[in-house]
């Protein structure tokens, strides 16, 4: 029983971590692409 609860909690934690990090990755990619293109124009 305890192992099942621990498994569910770990799955929920992993899902939350993925949802939380996705926007940061998107923003980082946007800023990274913007800075790279700005550098390329100069």
C-alpha atoms as a PDB file:
ATOM      1  CA  UNK A   1       0.000   0.000   0.000  1.00  0.00           C
ATOM      2  CA  UNK A   2       2.710   2.490   1.002  1.00  0.00           C
ATOM      3  CA  UNK A   3       4.725   1.656  -2.124  1.00  0.00           C
ATOM      4  CA  UNK A   4       1.695   2.321  -4.326  1.00  0.00           C
ATOM      5  CA  UNK A   5       1.193   5.726  -2.685  1.00  0.00           C
ATOM      6  CA  UNK A   6       4.894   6.519  -3.078  1.00  0.00           C
ATOM      7  CA  UNK A   7       4.735   5.548  -6.769  1.00  0.00           C
ATOM      8  CA  UNK A   8       1.724   7.810  -7.343  1.00  0.00           C
ATOM      9  CA  UNK A   9       3.379  10.699  -5.515  1.00  0.00           C
ATOM     10  CA  UNK A  10       6.569  10.289  -7.546  1.00  0.00           C
ATOM     11  CA  UNK A  11       4.574  10.252 -10.793  1.00  0.00           C
ATOM     12  CA  UNK A  12       2.674  13.394  -9.763  1.00  0.00           C
ATOM     13  CA  UNK A  13       5.937  15.081  -8.759  1.00  0.00           C
ATOM     14  CA  UNK A  14       7.482  14.200 -12.120  1.00  0.00           C
ATOM     15  CA  UNK A  15       4.456  15.558 -13.990  1.00  0.00           C
ATOM     16  CA  UNK A  16       4.517  18.794 -11.998  1.00  0.00           C
ATOM     17  CA  UNK A  17       8.250  19.178 -12.587  1.00  0.00           C
ATOM     18  CA  UNK A  18       7.720  18.699 -16.337  1.00  0.00           C
ATOM     19  CA  UNK A  19       4.871  21.225 -16.473  1.00  0.00           C
ATOM     20  CA  UNK A  20       6.858  23.752 -14.431  1.00  0.00           C
ATOM     21  CA  UNK A  21      10.072  23.427 -16.444  1.00  0.00           C
ATOM     22  CA  UNK A  22       8.434  23.467 -19.890  1.00  0.00           C
ATOM     23  CA  UNK A  23       7.630  27.229 -19.892  1.00  0.00           C
ATOM     24  CA  UNK A  24      11.127  28.029 -18.617  1.00  0.00           C
ATOM     25  CA  UNK A  25      12.636  25.941 -21.425  1.00  0.00           C
ATOM     26  CA  UNK A  26      10.431  27.715 -23.988  1.00  0.00           C
ATOM     27  CA  UNK A  27      11.411  31.143 -22.636  1.00  0.00           C
ATOM     28  CA  UNK A  28      15.079  30.185 -22.556  1.00  0.00           C
ATOM     29  CA  UNK A  29      14.826  28.985 -26.163  1.00  0.00           C
ATOM     30  CA  UNK A  30      13.106  32.221 -27.199  1.00  0.00           C
ATOM     31  CA  UNK A  31      15.713  34.409 -25.484  1.00  0.00           C
ATOM     32  CA  UNK A  32      18.501  32.186 -26.781  1.00  0.00           C
ATOM     33  CA  UNK A  33      17.233  32.455 -30.359  1.00  0.00           C
ATOM     34  CA  UNK A  34      16.678  36.218 -30.025  1.00  0.00           C
ATOM     35  CA  UNK A  35      20.177  36.843 -28.650  1.00  0.00           C
ATOM     36  CA  UNK A  36      21.696  34.558 -31.298  1.00  0.00           C
ATOM     37  CA  UNK A  37      19.878  36.354 -34.150  1.00  0.00           C
ATOM     38  CA  UNK A  38      20.737  39.779 -32.678  1.00  0.00           C
ATOM     39  CA  UNK A  39      24.378  38.722 -32.476  1.00  0.00           C
ATOM     40  CA  UNK A  40      24.220  37.490 -36.068  1.00  0.00           C
ATOM     41  CA  UNK A  41      22.893  40.812 -37.378  1.00  0.00           C
ATOM     42  CA  UNK A  42      25.744  42.755 -35.821  1.00  0.00           C
END
